[in-house]
PDB file of all heavy atoms in Angstrom:
ATOM      1  N   LEU A   1     -77.418 -58.696  23.189  1.00  0.00           N
ATOM      2  CA  LEU A   1     -76.340 -59.646  22.910  1.00  0.00           C
ATOM      3  C   LEU A   1     -76.517 -60.921  23.721  1.00  0.00           C
ATOM      4  O   LEU A   1     -76.397 -62.044  23.187  1.00  0.00           O
ATOM      5  CB  LEU A   1     -74.985 -59.007  23.199  1.00  0.00           C
ATOM      6  CG  LEU A   1     -73.759 -59.939  23.070  1.00  0.00           C
ATOM      7  CD1 LEU A   1     -73.610 -60.419  21.639  1.00  0.00           C
ATOM      8  CD2 LEU A   1     -72.490 -59.216  23.539  1.00  0.00           C
ATOM      9  N   ALA A   2     -76.799 -60.764  25.005  1.00  0.00           N
ATOM     10  CA  ALA A   2     -76.995 -61.945  25.855  1.00  0.00           C
ATOM     11  C   ALA A   2     -78.201 -62.758  25.406  1.00  0.00           C
ATOM     12  O   ALA A   2     -78.171 -63.999  25.425  1.00  0.00           O
ATOM     13  CB  ALA A   2     -77.177 -61.501  27.309  1.00  0.00           C
ATOM     14  N   THR A   3     -79.253 -62.078  24.982  1.00  0.00           N
ATOM     15  CA  THR A   3     -80.442 -62.785  24.500  1.00  0.00           C
ATOM     16  C   THR A   3     -80.119 -63.583  23.243  1.00  0.00           C
ATOM     17  O   THR A   3     -80.552 -64.735  23.090  1.00  0.00           O
ATOM     18  CB  THR A   3     -81.576 -61.794  24.211  1.00  0.00           C
ATOM     19  OG1 THR A   3     -81.869 -61.047  25.396  1.00  0.00           O
ATOM     20  CG2 THR A   3     -82.829 -62.515  23.766  1.00  0.00           C
ATOM     21  N   GLY A   4     -79.347 -62.993  22.336  1.00  0.00           N
ATOM     22  CA  GLY A   4     -78.965 -63.705  21.123  1.00  0.00           C
ATOM     23  C   GLY A   4     -78.067 -64.893  21.404  1.00  0.00           C
ATOM     24  O   GLY A   4     -78.249 -65.981  20.839  1.00  0.00           O
ATOM     25  N   LEU A   5     -77.099 -64.707  22.294  1.00  0.00           N
ATOM     26  CA  LEU A   5     -76.196 -65.806  22.623  1.00  0.00           C
ATOM     27  C   LEU A   5     -76.921 -66.960  23.300  1.00  0.00           C
ATOM     28  O   LEU A   5     -76.559 -68.131  23.111  1.00  0.00           O
ATOM     29  CB  LEU A   5     -75.063 -65.300  23.521  1.00  0.00           C
ATOM     30  CG  LEU A   5     -74.070 -64.315  22.869  1.00  0.00           C
ATOM     31  CD1 LEU A   5     -73.059 -63.833  23.899  1.00  0.00           C
ATOM     32  CD2 LEU A   5     -73.369 -64.966  21.688  1.00  0.00           C
ATOM     33  N   SER A   6     -77.932 -66.659  24.111  1.00  0.00           N
ATOM     34  CA  SER A   6     -78.666 -67.719  24.805  1.00  0.00           C
ATOM     35  C   SER A   6     -79.457 -68.592  23.835  1.00  0.00           C
ATOM     36  O   SER A   6     -79.801 -69.728  24.171  1.00  0.00           O
ATOM     37  CB  SER A   6     -79.613 -67.117  25.847  1.00  0.00           C
ATOM     38  OG  SER A   6     -80.668 -66.403  25.228  1.00  0.00           O
ATOM     39  N   TRP A   7     -79.752 -68.075  22.634  1.00  0.00           N
ATOM     40  CA  TRP A   7     -80.414 -68.916  21.620  1.00  0.00           C
ATOM     41  C   TRP A   7     -79.522 -70.114  21.272  1.00  0.00           C
ATOM     42  O   TRP A   7     -80.015 -71.217  21.058  1.00  0.00           O
ATOM     43  CB  TRP A   7     -80.681 -68.102  20.360  1.00  0.00           C
ATOM     44  CG  TRP A   7     -81.798 -67.119  20.489  1.00  0.00           C
ATOM     45  CD1 TRP A   7     -82.455 -66.777  21.624  1.00  0.00           C
ATOM     46  CD2 TRP A   7     -82.368 -66.346  19.442  1.00  0.00           C
ATOM     47  NE1 TRP A   7     -83.409 -65.828  21.358  1.00  0.00           N
ATOM     48  CE2 TRP A   7     -83.395 -65.545  20.013  1.00  0.00           C
ATOM     49  CE3 TRP A   7     -82.131 -66.245  18.069  1.00  0.00           C
ATOM     50  CZ2 TRP A   7     -84.148 -64.663  19.273  1.00  0.00           C
ATOM     51  CZ3 TRP A   7     -82.888 -65.363  17.319  1.00  0.00           C
ATOM     52  CH2 TRP A   7     -83.893 -64.578  17.919  1.00  0.00           C
ATOM     53  N   PHE A   8     -78.212 -69.873  21.203  1.00  0.00           N
ATOM     54  CA  PHE A   8     -77.291 -70.933  20.805  1.00  0.00           C
ATOM     55  C   PHE A   8     -76.808 -71.751  22.004  1.00  0.00           C
ATOM     56  O   PHE A   8     -76.649 -72.973  21.892  1.00  0.00           O
ATOM     57  CB  PHE A   8     -76.083 -70.321  20.077  1.00  0.00           C
ATOM     58  CG  PHE A   8     -76.453 -69.534  18.855  1.00  0.00           C
ATOM     59  CD1 PHE A   8     -76.582 -68.156  18.899  1.00  0.00           C
ATOM     60  CD2 PHE A   8     -76.687 -70.183  17.658  1.00  0.00           C
ATOM     61  CE1 PHE A   8     -76.919 -67.429  17.771  1.00  0.00           C
ATOM     62  CE2 PHE A   8     -77.031 -69.465  16.512  1.00  0.00           C
ATOM     63  CZ  PHE A   8     -77.149 -68.098  16.565  1.00  0.00           C
ATOM     64  N   ARG A   9     -76.606 -71.085  23.133  1.00  0.00           N
ATOM     65  CA  ARG A   9     -76.039 -71.803  24.281  1.00  0.00           C
ATOM     66  C   ARG A   9     -77.078 -72.607  25.039  1.00  0.00           C
ATOM     67  O   ARG A   9     -76.832 -73.769  25.408  1.00  0.00           O
ATOM     68  CB  ARG A   9     -75.369 -70.799  25.234  1.00  0.00           C
ATOM     69  CG  ARG A   9     -74.674 -71.452  26.411  1.00  0.00           C
ATOM     70  CD  ARG A   9     -73.989 -70.424  27.289  1.00  0.00           C
ATOM     71  NE  ARG A   9     -73.273 -71.070  28.384  1.00  0.00           N
ATOM     72  CZ  ARG A   9     -72.638 -70.414  29.348  1.00  0.00           C
ATOM     73  NH1 ARG A   9     -72.613 -69.076  29.350  1.00  0.00           N
ATOM     74  NH2 ARG A   9     -72.016 -71.084  30.311  1.00  0.00           N
ATOM     75  N   TYR A  10     -78.250 -72.001  25.287  1.00  0.00           N
ATOM     76  CA  TYR A  10     -79.284 -72.674  26.074  1.00  0.00           C
ATOM     77  C   TYR A  10     -80.542 -72.996  25.262  1.00  0.00           C
ATOM     78  O   TYR A  10     -81.504 -73.524  25.819  1.00  0.00           O
ATOM     79  CB  TYR A  10     -79.684 -71.790  27.271  1.00  0.00           C
ATOM     80  CG  TYR A  10     -78.560 -71.515  28.237  1.00  0.00           C
ATOM     81  CD1 TYR A  10     -78.037 -70.226  28.371  1.00  0.00           C
ATOM     82  CD2 TYR A  10     -78.000 -72.533  28.998  1.00  0.00           C
ATOM     83  CE1 TYR A  10     -77.002 -69.958  29.261  1.00  0.00           C
ATOM     84  CE2 TYR A  10     -76.960 -72.278  29.887  1.00  0.00           C
ATOM     85  CZ  TYR A  10     -76.476 -70.988  30.010  1.00  0.00           C
ATOM     86  OH  TYR A  10     -75.447 -70.733  30.885  1.00  0.00           O
ATOM     87  N   HIS A  11     -80.515 -72.679  23.960  1.00  0.00           N
ATOM     88  CA  HIS A  11     -81.666 -72.933  23.082  1.00  0.00           C
ATOM     89  C   HIS A  11     -82.928 -72.251  23.611  1.00  0.00           C
ATOM     90  O   HIS A  11     -84.022 -72.823  23.595  1.00  0.00           O
ATOM     91  CB  HIS A  11     -81.911 -74.438  22.925  1.00  0.00           C
ATOM     92  CG  HIS A  11     -80.698 -75.190  22.466  1.00  0.00           C
ATOM     93  ND1 HIS A  11     -80.191 -75.098  21.186  1.00  0.00           N
ATOM     94  CD2 HIS A  11     -79.862 -76.037  23.144  1.00  0.00           C
ATOM     95  CE1 HIS A  11     -79.106 -75.862  21.077  1.00  0.00           C
ATOM     96  NE2 HIS A  11     -78.890 -76.445  22.243  1.00  0.00           N
ATOM     97  N   LEU A  12     -82.772 -71.017  24.073  1.00  0.00           N
ATOM     98  CA  LEU A  12     -83.897 -70.262  24.617  1.00  0.00           C
ATOM     99  C   LEU A  12     -84.474 -69.362  23.528  1.00  0.00           C
ATOM    100  O   LEU A  12     -83.798 -68.471  23.012  1.00  0.00           O
ATOM    101  CB  LEU A  12     -83.446 -69.403  25.811  1.00  0.00           C
ATOM    102  CG  LEU A  12     -82.892 -70.152  27.023  1.00  0.00           C
ATOM    103  CD1 LEU A  12     -82.516 -69.172  28.123  1.00  0.00           C
ATOM    104  CD2 LEU A  12     -83.889 -71.171  27.546  1.00  0.00           C
ATOM    105  N   ARG A  13     -85.711 -69.609  23.174  1.00  0.00           N
ATOM    106  CA  ARG A  13     -86.419 -68.757  22.231  1.00  0.00           C
ATOM    107  C   ARG A  13     -87.353 -67.838  23.001  1.00  0.00           C
ATOM    108  O   ARG A  13     -87.659 -68.071  24.174  1.00  0.00           O
ATOM    109  CB  ARG A  13     -87.212 -69.604  21.232  1.00  0.00           C
ATOM    110  CG  ARG A  13     -86.363 -70.535  20.389  1.00  0.00           C
ATOM    111  CD  ARG A  13     -85.422 -69.756  19.483  1.00  0.00           C
ATOM    112  NE  ARG A  13     -84.725 -70.630  18.548  1.00  0.00           N
ATOM    113  CZ  ARG A  13     -83.522 -71.151  18.757  1.00  0.00           C
ATOM    114  NH1 ARG A  13     -82.893 -70.883  19.896  1.00  0.00           N
ATOM    115  NH2 ARG A  13     -82.946 -71.908  17.857  1.00  0.00           N
ATOM    116  N   PHE A  14     -87.811 -66.811  22.357  1.00  0.00           N
ATOM    117  CA  PHE A  14     -88.696 -65.860  23.029  1.00  0.00           C
ATOM    118  C   PHE A  14     -90.019 -66.523  23.388  1.00  0.00           C
ATOM    119  O   PHE A  14     -90.664 -67.155  22.550  1.00  0.00           O
ATOM    120  CB  PHE A  14     -88.972 -64.649  22.135  1.00  0.00           C
ATOM    121  CG  PHE A  14     -87.982 -63.535  22.303  1.00  0.00           C
ATOM    122  CD1 PHE A  14     -87.100 -63.227  21.289  1.00  0.00           C
ATOM    123  CD2 PHE A  14     -87.938 -62.798  23.475  1.00  0.00           C
ATOM    124  CE1 PHE A  14     -86.185 -62.200  21.431  1.00  0.00           C
ATOM    125  CE2 PHE A  14     -87.029 -61.766  23.628  1.00  0.00           C
ATOM    126  CZ  PHE A  14     -86.148 -61.462  22.608  1.00  0.00           C
ATOM    127  N   ASP A  15     -90.397 -66.363  24.648  1.00  0.00           N
ATOM    128  CA  ASP A  15     -91.748 -66.693  25.076  1.00  0.00           C
ATOM    129  C   ASP A  15     -92.456 -65.385  25.419  1.00  0.00           C
ATOM    130  O   ASP A  15     -91.915 -64.297  25.218  1.00  0.00           O
ATOM    131  CB  ASP A  15     -91.742 -67.656  26.266  1.00  0.00           C
ATOM    132  CG  ASP A  15     -91.029 -67.082  27.486  1.00  0.00           C
ATOM    133  OD1 ASP A  15     -90.488 -65.949  27.390  1.00  0.00           O
ATOM    134  OD2 ASP A  15     -91.010 -67.753  28.531  1.00  0.00           O
ATOM    135  N   ALA A  16     -93.678 -65.494  25.921  1.00  0.00           N
ATOM    136  CA  ALA A  16     -94.464 -64.280  26.204  1.00  0.00           C
ATOM    137  C   ALA A  16     -93.779 -63.411  27.250  1.00  0.00           C
ATOM    138  O   ALA A  16     -93.734 -62.175  27.124  1.00  0.00           O
ATOM    139  CB  ALA A  16     -95.868 -64.668  26.666  1.00  0.00           C
ATOM    140  N   ILE A  17     -93.217 -64.031  28.298  1.00  0.00           N
ATOM    141  CA  ILE A  17     -92.569 -63.264  29.362  1.00  0.00           C
ATOM    142  C   ILE A  17     -91.325 -62.554  28.834  1.00  0.00           C
ATOM    143  O   ILE A  17     -91.108 -61.368  29.089  1.00  0.00           O
ATOM    144  CB  ILE A  17     -92.219 -64.185  30.543  1.00  0.00           C
ATOM    145  CG1 ILE A  17     -93.496 -64.744  31.181  1.00  0.00           C
ATOM    146  CG2 ILE A  17     -91.391 -63.430  31.582  1.00  0.00           C
ATOM    147  CD1 ILE A  17     -93.233 -65.704  32.319  1.00  0.00           C
ATOM    148  N   GLY A  18     -90.493 -63.269  28.096  1.00  0.00           N
ATOM    149  CA  GLY A  18     -89.276 -62.663  27.570  1.00  0.00           C
ATOM    150  C   GLY A  18     -89.567 -61.534  26.604  1.00  0.00           C
ATOM    151  O   GLY A  18     -88.916 -60.480  26.640  1.00  0.00           O
ATOM    152  N   GLN A  19     -90.542 -61.742  25.734  1.00  0.00           N
ATOM    153  CA  GLN A  19     -90.892 -60.696  24.777  1.00  0.00           C
ATOM    154  C   GLN A  19     -91.437 -59.461  25.478  1.00  0.00           C
ATOM    155  O   GLN A  19     -91.050 -58.337  25.150  1.00  0.00           O
ATOM    156  CB  GLN A  19     -91.934 -61.252  23.799  1.00  0.00           C
ATOM    157  CG  GLN A  19     -92.404 -60.250  22.774  1.00  0.00           C
ATOM    158  CD  GLN A  19     -93.388 -60.864  21.790  1.00  0.00           C
ATOM    159  OE1 GLN A  19     -93.145 -61.924  21.245  1.00  0.00           O
ATOM    160  NE2 GLN A  19     -94.512 -60.197  21.588  1.00  0.00           N
ATOM    161  N   ASP A  20     -92.331 -59.670  26.445  1.00  0.00           N
ATOM    162  CA  ASP A  20     -92.884 -58.526  27.173  1.00  0.00           C
ATOM    163  C   ASP A  20     -91.807 -57.787  27.946  1.00  0.00           C
ATOM    164  O   ASP A  20     -91.821 -56.553  28.023  1.00  0.00           O
ATOM    165  CB  ASP A  20     -93.985 -58.998  28.127  1.00  0.00           C
ATOM    166  CG  ASP A  20     -95.229 -59.453  27.386  1.00  0.00           C
ATOM    167  OD1 ASP A  20     -95.325 -59.179  26.183  1.00  0.00           O
ATOM    168  OD2 ASP A  20     -96.095 -60.096  28.017  1.00  0.00           O
ATOM    169  N   THR A  21     -90.874 -58.526  28.551  1.00  0.00           N
ATOM    170  CA  THR A  21     -89.794 -57.901  29.313  1.00  0.00           C
ATOM    171  C   THR A  21     -88.929 -57.029  28.412  1.00  0.00           C
ATOM    172  O   THR A  21     -88.580 -55.892  28.764  1.00  0.00           O
ATOM    173  CB  THR A  21     -88.935 -58.969  29.991  1.00  0.00           C
ATOM    174  OG1 THR A  21     -89.750 -59.768  30.852  1.00  0.00           O
ATOM    175  CG2 THR A  21     -87.834 -58.322  30.818  1.00  0.00           C
ATOM    176  N   MET A  22     -88.570 -57.544  27.237  1.00  0.00           N
ATOM    177  CA  MET A  22     -87.746 -56.776  26.311  1.00  0.00           C
ATOM    178  C   MET A  22     -88.471 -55.525  25.832  1.00  0.00           C
ATOM    179  O   MET A  22     -87.910 -54.419  25.846  1.00  0.00           O
ATOM    180  CB  MET A  22     -87.358 -57.639  25.115  1.00  0.00           C
ATOM    181  CG  MET A  22     -86.469 -56.917  24.107  1.00  0.00           C
ATOM    182  SD  MET A  22     -86.143 -57.859  22.611  1.00  0.00           S
ATOM    183  CE  MET A  22     -87.774 -57.807  21.841  1.00  0.00           C
ATOM    184  N   LEU A  23     -89.725 -55.686  25.408  1.00  0.00           N
ATOM    185  CA  LEU A  23     -90.480 -54.547  24.908  1.00  0.00           C
ATOM    186  C   LEU A  23     -90.709 -53.509  26.000  1.00  0.00           C
ATOM    187  O   LEU A  23     -90.682 -52.304  25.734  1.00  0.00           O
ATOM    188  CB  LEU A  23     -91.818 -55.020  24.341  1.00  0.00           C
ATOM    189  CG  LEU A  23     -91.731 -55.892  23.078  1.00  0.00           C
ATOM    190  CD1 LEU A  23     -93.118 -56.351  22.657  1.00  0.00           C
ATOM    191  CD2 LEU A  23     -91.040 -55.154  21.955  1.00  0.00           C
ATOM    192  N   LYS A  24     -90.916 -53.974  27.227  1.00  0.00           N
ATOM    193  CA  LYS A  24     -91.138 -53.042  28.332  1.00  0.00           C
ATOM    194  C   LYS A  24     -89.896 -52.207  28.601  1.00  0.00           C
ATOM    195  O   LYS A  24     -89.978 -50.990  28.811  1.00  0.00           O
ATOM    196  CB  LYS A  24     -91.549 -53.827  29.575  1.00  0.00           C
ATOM    197  CG  LYS A  24     -92.010 -52.974  30.745  1.00  0.00           C
ATOM    198  CD  LYS A  24     -92.479 -53.855  31.881  1.00  0.00           C
ATOM    199  CE  LYS A  24     -93.003 -53.024  33.042  1.00  0.00           C
ATOM    200  NZ  LYS A  24     -93.444 -53.872  34.178  1.00  0.00           N
ATOM    201  N   LEU A  25     -88.722 -52.851  28.590  1.00  0.00           N
ATOM    202  CA  LEU A  25     -87.483 -52.102  28.837  1.00  0.00           C
ATOM    203  C   LEU A  25     -87.226 -51.096  27.712  1.00  0.00           C
ATOM    204  O   LEU A  25     -86.901 -49.934  27.974  1.00  0.00           O
ATOM    205  CB  LEU A  25     -86.320 -53.082  28.974  1.00  0.00           C
ATOM    206  CG  LEU A  25     -84.983 -52.462  29.388  1.00  0.00           C
ATOM    207  CD1 LEU A  25     -84.233 -53.409  30.321  1.00  0.00           C
ATOM    208  CD2 LEU A  25     -84.107 -52.151  28.187  1.00  0.00           C
ATOM    209  N   ILE A  26     -87.381 -51.531  26.452  1.00  0.00           N
ATOM    210  CA  ILE A  26     -87.154 -50.625  25.333  1.00  0.00           C
ATOM    211  C   ILE A  26     -88.146 -49.460  25.382  1.00  0.00           C
ATOM    212  O   ILE A  26     -87.786 -48.299  25.155  1.00  0.00           O
ATOM    213  CB  ILE A  26     -87.267 -51.381  23.998  1.00  0.00           C
ATOM    214  CG1 ILE A  26     -86.133 -52.405  23.873  1.00  0.00           C
ATOM    215  CG2 ILE A  26     -87.244 -50.422  22.822  1.00  0.00           C
ATOM    216  CD1 ILE A  26     -86.238 -53.299  22.651  1.00  0.00           C
ATOM    217  N   PHE A  27     -89.400 -49.774  25.678  1.00  0.00           N
ATOM    218  CA  PHE A  27     -90.425 -48.735  25.729  1.00  0.00           C
ATOM    219  C   PHE A  27     -90.109 -47.709  26.810  1.00  0.00           C
ATOM    220  O   PHE A  27     -90.251 -46.497  26.599  1.00  0.00           O
ATOM    221  CB  PHE A  27     -91.780 -49.386  25.981  1.00  0.00           C
ATOM    222  CG  PHE A  27     -92.941 -48.429  25.977  1.00  0.00           C
ATOM    223  CD1 PHE A  27     -93.264 -47.707  24.844  1.00  0.00           C
ATOM    224  CD2 PHE A  27     -93.710 -48.249  27.107  1.00  0.00           C
ATOM    225  CE1 PHE A  27     -94.329 -46.824  24.824  1.00  0.00           C
ATOM    226  CE2 PHE A  27     -94.778 -47.377  27.105  1.00  0.00           C
ATOM    227  CZ  PHE A  27     -95.088 -46.658  25.962  1.00  0.00           C
ATOM    228  N   ASN A  28     -89.651 -48.156  27.969  1.00  0.00           N
ATOM    229  CA  ASN A  28     -89.345 -47.225  29.050  1.00  0.00           C
ATOM    230  C   ASN A  28     -88.109 -46.387  28.740  1.00  0.00           C
ATOM    231  O   ASN A  28     -88.014 -45.227  29.164  1.00  0.00           O
ATOM    232  CB  ASN A  28     -89.155 -47.989  30.363  1.00  0.00           C
ATOM    233  CG  ASN A  28     -90.467 -48.399  30.986  1.00  0.00           C
ATOM    234  OD1 ASN A  28     -91.442 -47.652  30.955  1.00  0.00           O
ATOM    235  ND2 ASN A  28     -90.521 -49.590  31.546  1.00  0.00           N
ATOM    236  N   LEU A  29     -87.157 -46.933  27.993  1.00  0.00           N
ATOM    237  CA  LEU A  29     -86.016 -46.118  27.556  1.00  0.00           C
ATOM    238  C   LEU A  29     -86.467 -45.043  26.577  1.00  0.00           C
ATOM    239  O   LEU A  29     -85.971 -43.907  26.613  1.00  0.00           O
ATOM    240  CB  LEU A  29     -84.949 -47.018  26.911  1.00  0.00           C
ATOM    241  CG  LEU A  29     -84.250 -48.026  27.828  1.00  0.00           C
ATOM    242  CD1 LEU A  29     -83.177 -48.783  27.060  1.00  0.00           C
ATOM    243  CD2 LEU A  29     -83.647 -47.348  29.052  1.00  0.00           C
ATOM    244  N   LEU A  30     -87.409 -45.377  25.709  1.00  0.00           N
ATOM    245  CA  LEU A  30     -87.946 -44.382  24.781  1.00  0.00           C
ATOM    246  C   LEU A  30     -88.730 -43.305  25.533  1.00  0.00           C
ATOM    247  O   LEU A  30     -88.675 -42.121  25.167  1.00  0.00           O
ATOM    248  CB  LEU A  30     -88.840 -45.066  23.749  1.00  0.00           C
ATOM    249  CG  LEU A  30     -88.129 -45.968  22.731  1.00  0.00           C
ATOM    250  CD1 LEU A  30     -89.151 -46.677  21.851  1.00  0.00           C
ATOM    251  CD2 LEU A  30     -87.157 -45.163  21.876  1.00  0.00           C
ATOM    252  N   ILE A  31     -89.452 -43.701  26.570  1.00  0.00           N
ATOM    253  CA  ILE A  31     -90.177 -42.716  27.377  1.00  0.00           C
ATOM    254  C   ILE A  31     -89.199 -41.764  28.057  1.00  0.00           C
ATOM    255  O   ILE A  31     -89.438 -40.549  28.131  1.00  0.00           O
ATOM    256  CB  ILE A  31     -91.063 -43.421  28.411  1.00  0.00           C
ATOM    257  CG1 ILE A  31     -92.240 -44.125  27.719  1.00  0.00           C
ATOM    258  CG2 ILE A  31     -91.591 -42.439  29.453  1.00  0.00           C
ATOM    259  CD1 ILE A  31     -93.114 -44.925  28.649  1.00  0.00           C
ATOM    260  N   PHE A  32     -88.096 -42.296  28.549  1.00  0.00           N
ATOM    261  CA  PHE A  32     -87.074 -41.439  29.152  1.00  0.00           C
ATOM    262  C   PHE A  32     -86.584 -40.401  28.148  1.00  0.00           C
ATOM    263  O   PHE A  32     -86.485 -39.200  28.455  1.00  0.00           O
ATOM    264  CB  PHE A  32     -85.906 -42.291  29.650  1.00  0.00           C
ATOM    265  CG  PHE A  32     -84.657 -41.506  29.947  1.00  0.00           C
ATOM    266  CD1 PHE A  32     -84.607 -40.635  31.013  1.00  0.00           C
ATOM    267  CD2 PHE A  32     -83.543 -41.623  29.136  1.00  0.00           C
ATOM    268  CE1 PHE A  32     -83.461 -39.893  31.284  1.00  0.00           C
ATOM    269  CE2 PHE A  32     -82.399 -40.896  29.389  1.00  0.00           C
ATOM    270  CZ  PHE A  32     -82.356 -40.033  30.465  1.00  0.00           C
ATOM    271  N   ALA A  33     -86.279 -40.840  26.916  1.00  0.00           N
ATOM    272  CA  ALA A  33     -85.819 -39.905  25.884  1.00  0.00           C
ATOM    273  C   ALA A  33     -86.916 -38.891  25.552  1.00  0.00           C
ATOM    274  O   ALA A  33     -86.631 -37.702  25.362  1.00  0.00           O
ATOM    275  CB  ALA A  33     -85.412 -40.680  24.632  1.00  0.00           C
ATOM    276  N   LEU A  34     -88.152 -39.343  25.484  1.00  0.00           N
ATOM    277  CA  LEU A  34     -89.272 -38.451  25.176  1.00  0.00           C
ATOM    278  C   LEU A  34     -89.432 -37.363  26.221  1.00  0.00           C
ATOM    279  O   LEU A  34     -89.535 -36.171  25.900  1.00  0.00           O
ATOM    280  CB  LEU A  34     -90.557 -39.281  25.072  1.00  0.00           C
ATOM    281  CG  LEU A  34     -91.867 -38.500  24.964  1.00  0.00           C
ATOM    282  CD1 LEU A  34     -92.002 -37.893  23.585  1.00  0.00           C
ATOM    283  CD2 LEU A  34     -93.056 -39.413  25.267  1.00  0.00           C
ATOM    284  N   VAL A  35     -89.453 -37.757  27.496  1.00  0.00           N
ATOM    285  CA  VAL A  35     -89.659 -36.789  28.574  1.00  0.00           C
ATOM    286  C   VAL A  35     -88.467 -35.843  28.684  1.00  0.00           C
ATOM    287  O   VAL A  35     -88.635 -34.628  28.875  1.00  0.00           O
ATOM    288  CB  VAL A  35     -89.908 -37.521  29.904  1.00  0.00           C
ATOM    289  CG1 VAL A  35     -90.054 -36.527  31.050  1.00  0.00           C
ATOM    290  CG2 VAL A  35     -91.156 -38.397  29.809  1.00  0.00           C
ATOM    291  N   TYR A  36     -87.266 -36.391  28.563  1.00  0.00           N
ATOM    292  CA  TYR A  36     -86.072 -35.540  28.654  1.00  0.00           C
ATOM    293  C   TYR A  36     -86.075 -34.478  27.553  1.00  0.00           C
ATOM    294  O   TYR A  36     -85.806 -33.299  27.811  1.00  0.00           O
ATOM    295  CB  TYR A  36     -84.817 -36.400  28.548  1.00  0.00           C
ATOM    296  CG  TYR A  36     -83.535 -35.590  28.569  1.00  0.00           C
ATOM    297  CD1 TYR A  36     -82.994 -35.139  29.768  1.00  0.00           C
ATOM    298  CD2 TYR A  36     -82.878 -35.264  27.385  1.00  0.00           C
ATOM    299  CE1 TYR A  36     -81.835 -34.381  29.792  1.00  0.00           C
ATOM    300  CE2 TYR A  36     -81.712 -34.512  27.393  1.00  0.00           C
ATOM    301  CZ  TYR A  36     -81.195 -34.077  28.600  1.00  0.00           C
ATOM    302  OH  TYR A  36     -80.045 -33.326  28.614  1.00  0.00           O
ATOM    303  N   ARG A  37     -86.381 -34.872  26.334  1.00  0.00           N
ATOM    304  CA  ARG A  37     -86.403 -33.915  25.225  1.00  0.00           C
ATOM    305  C   ARG A  37     -87.477 -32.848  25.439  1.00  0.00           C
ATOM    306  O   ARG A  37     -87.247 -31.659  25.192  1.00  0.00           O
ATOM    307  CB  ARG A  37     -86.652 -34.646  23.909  1.00  0.00           C
ATOM    308  CG  ARG A  37     -86.746 -33.721  22.703  1.00  0.00           C
ATOM    309  CD  ARG A  37     -86.969 -34.506  21.426  1.00  0.00           C
ATOM    310  NE  ARG A  37     -87.091 -33.606  20.275  1.00  0.00           N
ATOM    311  CZ  ARG A  37     -88.234 -33.079  19.868  1.00  0.00           C
ATOM    312  NH1 ARG A  37     -89.377 -33.354  20.532  1.00  0.00           N
ATOM    313  NH2 ARG A  37     -88.263 -32.280  18.824  1.00  0.00           N
TER     314      ARG A  37
END
């Protein structure tokens, strides 16, 4: 939500750092679900 809102408020689009950060967090949450299961 904050990432989407920043597109309109600060005109921030995804760069390499932002994209990698998002994918890394999502990937680690999926790893948590994988290991827990």
